[in-house]
Amino acid sequence: MNIILLEDVANVGVTGDLVSVKPGYARNYLIPRNKAAVASSQNKKQLEHAQRLANHRMLKQKAAHEILAGKIEGLEISLSRRVGENDKMFGSVTANDIVEALQAQGLDVDRRKIALPQPIKTLGEFSLVAKLHPEVSAEFKLTVQAEA
């Protein structure tokens, strides 16, 4: 039986795939749980239309993220933190702290887009990457200095 997947299904396919499965699996599991629809000509047309809309939406998002990446690229952010003996920092610099510093400069970035390999717990300069879109990323510098 040919069906169109409405959700990702393990070992079957991903959303939007046109796959062939056994009729019982489709009738008893996939279709009642709204994970798939019968591959009729009308459903195929709806799927193609939805894919065109999703593609158009992704292109618009990519263009917006490219503009934002151009503003972030090469940016230098400075944060000051309290330190103790031997320049040991209290706490760490997190993605939320970096997002707040970016927002202070008028740039709106989601904290999940900032790639921190591990929390920053020392003073110094760090090169960070903001992964704004699967195809768009921007590199910027973060300087963590001691609070006066």
Protein backbone atom coordinates (compact mmCIF):
# COMPACT_ATOMS: atom_id res chain seq x y z
CA MET A 1 0.00 0.00 0.00
CA ASN A 2 1.40 3.41 -0.95
CA ILE A 3 1.19 6.10 1.73
CA ILE A 4 2.49 9.60 2.37
CA LEU A 5 4.19 10.04 5.74
CA LEU A 6 2.91 12.97 7.81
CA GLU A 7 5.52 12.41 10.55
CA ASP A 8 8.93 10.82 10.80
CA VAL A 9 8.49 7.08 11.38
CA ALA A 10 11.48 4.99 12.46
CA ASN A 11 12.62 2.42 9.89
CA VAL A 12 10.02 3.68 7.38
CA GLY A 13 10.90 7.24 6.33
CA VAL A 14 10.68 10.93 7.10
CA THR A 15 7.89 13.46 6.77
CA GLY A 16 6.71 13.88 3.18
CA ASP A 17 8.10 10.60 1.87
CA LEU A 18 5.96 8.47 -0.43
CA VAL A 19 6.56 4.92 0.78
CA SER A 20 5.09 1.48 0.30
CA VAL A 21 4.18 -0.48 3.43
CA LYS A 22 2.08 -3.53 4.19
CA PRO A 23 -1.65 -2.72 4.13
CA GLY A 24 -2.26 -3.88 7.72
CA TYR A 25 0.52 -1.67 9.09
CA ALA A 26 -0.91 1.33 7.26
CA ARG A 27 -4.59 0.68 8.14
CA ASN A 28 -4.07 -0.38 11.76
CA TYR A 29 -1.19 1.78 12.92
CA LEU A 30 -0.02 4.63 10.68
CA ILE A 31 -3.31 6.08 9.41
CA PRO A 32 -5.29 5.93 12.73
CA ARG A 33 -2.43 7.69 14.55
CA ASN A 34 -2.22 10.39 11.82
CA LYS A 35 1.33 9.42 10.98
CA ALA A 36 0.43 8.78 7.33
CA ALA A 37 -2.24 9.34 4.68
CA VAL A 38 -3.23 7.22 1.71
CA ALA A 39 -1.30 8.26 -1.40
CA SER A 40 -4.26 9.51 -3.44
CA SER A 41 -3.80 12.09 -6.17
CA GLN A 42 -5.38 14.78 -3.99
CA ASN A 43 -3.08 13.99 -1.05
CA LYS A 44 -0.07 14.03 -3.39
CA LYS A 45 -1.05 17.51 -4.61
CA GLN A 46 -1.47 18.72 -1.03
CA LEU A 47 1.95 17.30 -0.14
CA GLU A 48 3.60 19.03 -3.10
CA HIS A 49 1.92 22.31 -2.18
CA ALA A 50 3.01 22.00 1.45
CA GLN A 51 6.57 21.24 0.34
CA ARG A 52 6.62 24.31 -1.91
CA LEU A 53 5.40 26.48 0.98
CA ALA A 54 7.97 25.00 3.35
CA ASN A 55 10.73 25.53 0.79
CA HIS A 56 9.69 29.16 0.28
CA ARG A 57 9.57 29.70 4.06
CA MET A 58 13.06 28.19 4.45
CA LEU A 59 14.45 30.48 1.74
CA LYS A 60 13.00 33.54 3.50
CA GLN A 61 14.43 32.41 6.84
CA LYS A 62 17.82 31.76 5.26
CA ALA A 63 17.89 35.26 3.75
CA ALA A 64 16.99 36.81 7.11
CA HIS A 65 19.66 34.75 8.87
CA GLU A 66 22.26 35.74 6.28
CA ILE A 67 21.57 39.42 7.03
CA LEU A 68 21.88 38.76 10.77
CA ALA A 69 25.09 36.77 10.19
CA GLY A 70 26.55 39.73 8.31
CA LYS A 71 25.94 41.93 11.35
CA ILE A 72 27.38 39.37 13.79
CA GLU A 73 30.40 38.37 11.69
CA GLY A 74 33.58 39.86 13.11
CA LEU A 75 31.76 41.40 16.08
CA GLU A 76 33.73 41.76 19.31
CA ILE A 77 31.82 41.41 22.57
CA SER A 78 33.27 42.18 25.96
CA LEU A 79 31.94 40.84 29.26
CA SER A 80 33.29 41.55 32.71
CA ARG A 81 33.04 39.05 35.55
CA ARG A 82 34.00 38.97 39.20
CA VAL A 83 37.21 37.07 39.85
CA GLY A 84 38.92 35.80 42.96
CA GLU A 85 42.50 34.86 43.67
CA ASN A 86 44.66 33.87 40.69
CA ASP A 87 42.03 35.32 38.32
CA LYS A 88 39.65 32.45 39.06
CA MET A 89 36.19 33.39 37.86
CA PHE A 90 33.07 32.98 40.01
CA GLY A 91 30.62 30.94 37.93
CA SER A 92 30.89 30.83 34.16
CA VAL A 93 29.84 32.65 31.02
CA THR A 94 26.83 30.93 29.48
CA ALA A 95 24.99 31.26 26.19
CA ASN A 96 22.37 33.42 27.97
CA ASP A 97 25.07 35.92 28.96
CA ILE A 98 26.29 36.09 25.37
CA VAL A 99 22.74 36.55 24.04
CA GLU A 100 22.18 39.44 26.48
CA ALA A 101 25.37 41.10 25.23
CA LEU A 102 24.22 40.65 21.63
CA GLN A 103 20.78 42.08 22.49
CA ALA A 104 22.48 45.12 24.01
CA GLN A 105 23.94 45.72 20.54
CA GLY A 106 20.52 45.33 18.91
CA LEU A 107 20.94 41.77 17.63
CA ASP A 108 18.29 39.17 18.44
CA VAL A 109 19.75 35.65 18.58
CA ASP A 110 18.30 32.55 20.23
CA ARG A 111 20.53 31.11 22.97
CA ARG A 112 20.38 27.66 21.38
CA LYS A 113 22.07 29.07 18.27
CA ILE A 114 25.27 29.98 20.16
CA ALA A 115 27.73 27.07 19.92
CA LEU A 116 29.61 26.77 23.21
CA PRO A 117 31.79 23.66 23.31
CA GLN A 118 31.89 23.96 27.11
CA PRO A 119 31.05 26.75 29.58
CA ILE A 120 33.62 29.53 29.67
CA LYS A 121 35.23 29.54 33.12
CA THR A 122 38.42 31.52 32.48
CA LEU A 123 39.36 35.04 31.50
CA GLY A 124 40.60 35.73 27.98
CA GLU A 125 39.54 35.89 24.34
CA PHE A 126 37.36 33.25 22.75
CA SER A 127 36.26 32.71 19.18
CA LEU A 128 32.61 31.60 19.07
CA VAL A 129 30.19 30.59 16.33
CA ALA A 130 26.50 31.38 16.06
CA LYS A 131 24.80 28.66 13.98
CA LEU A 132 21.77 30.62 12.79
CA HIS A 133 20.60 28.24 10.05
CA PRO A 134 21.84 24.86 8.81
CA GLU A 135 23.69 26.67 6.01
CA VAL A 136 24.43 30.01 7.75
CA SER A 137 26.82 30.62 10.63
CA ALA A 138 28.67 33.65 11.92
CA GLU A 139 31.92 33.81 13.86
CA PHE A 140 32.55 36.46 16.51
CA LYS A 141 34.93 37.15 19.38
CA LEU A 142 34.15 37.21 23.07
CA THR A 143 36.49 38.83 25.55
CA VAL A 144 36.00 37.96 29.21
CA GLN A 145 37.78 40.38 31.53
CA ALA A 146 38.00 40.95 35.26
CA GLU A 147 35.53 43.34 36.82
CA ALA A 148 37.20 46.47 38.17
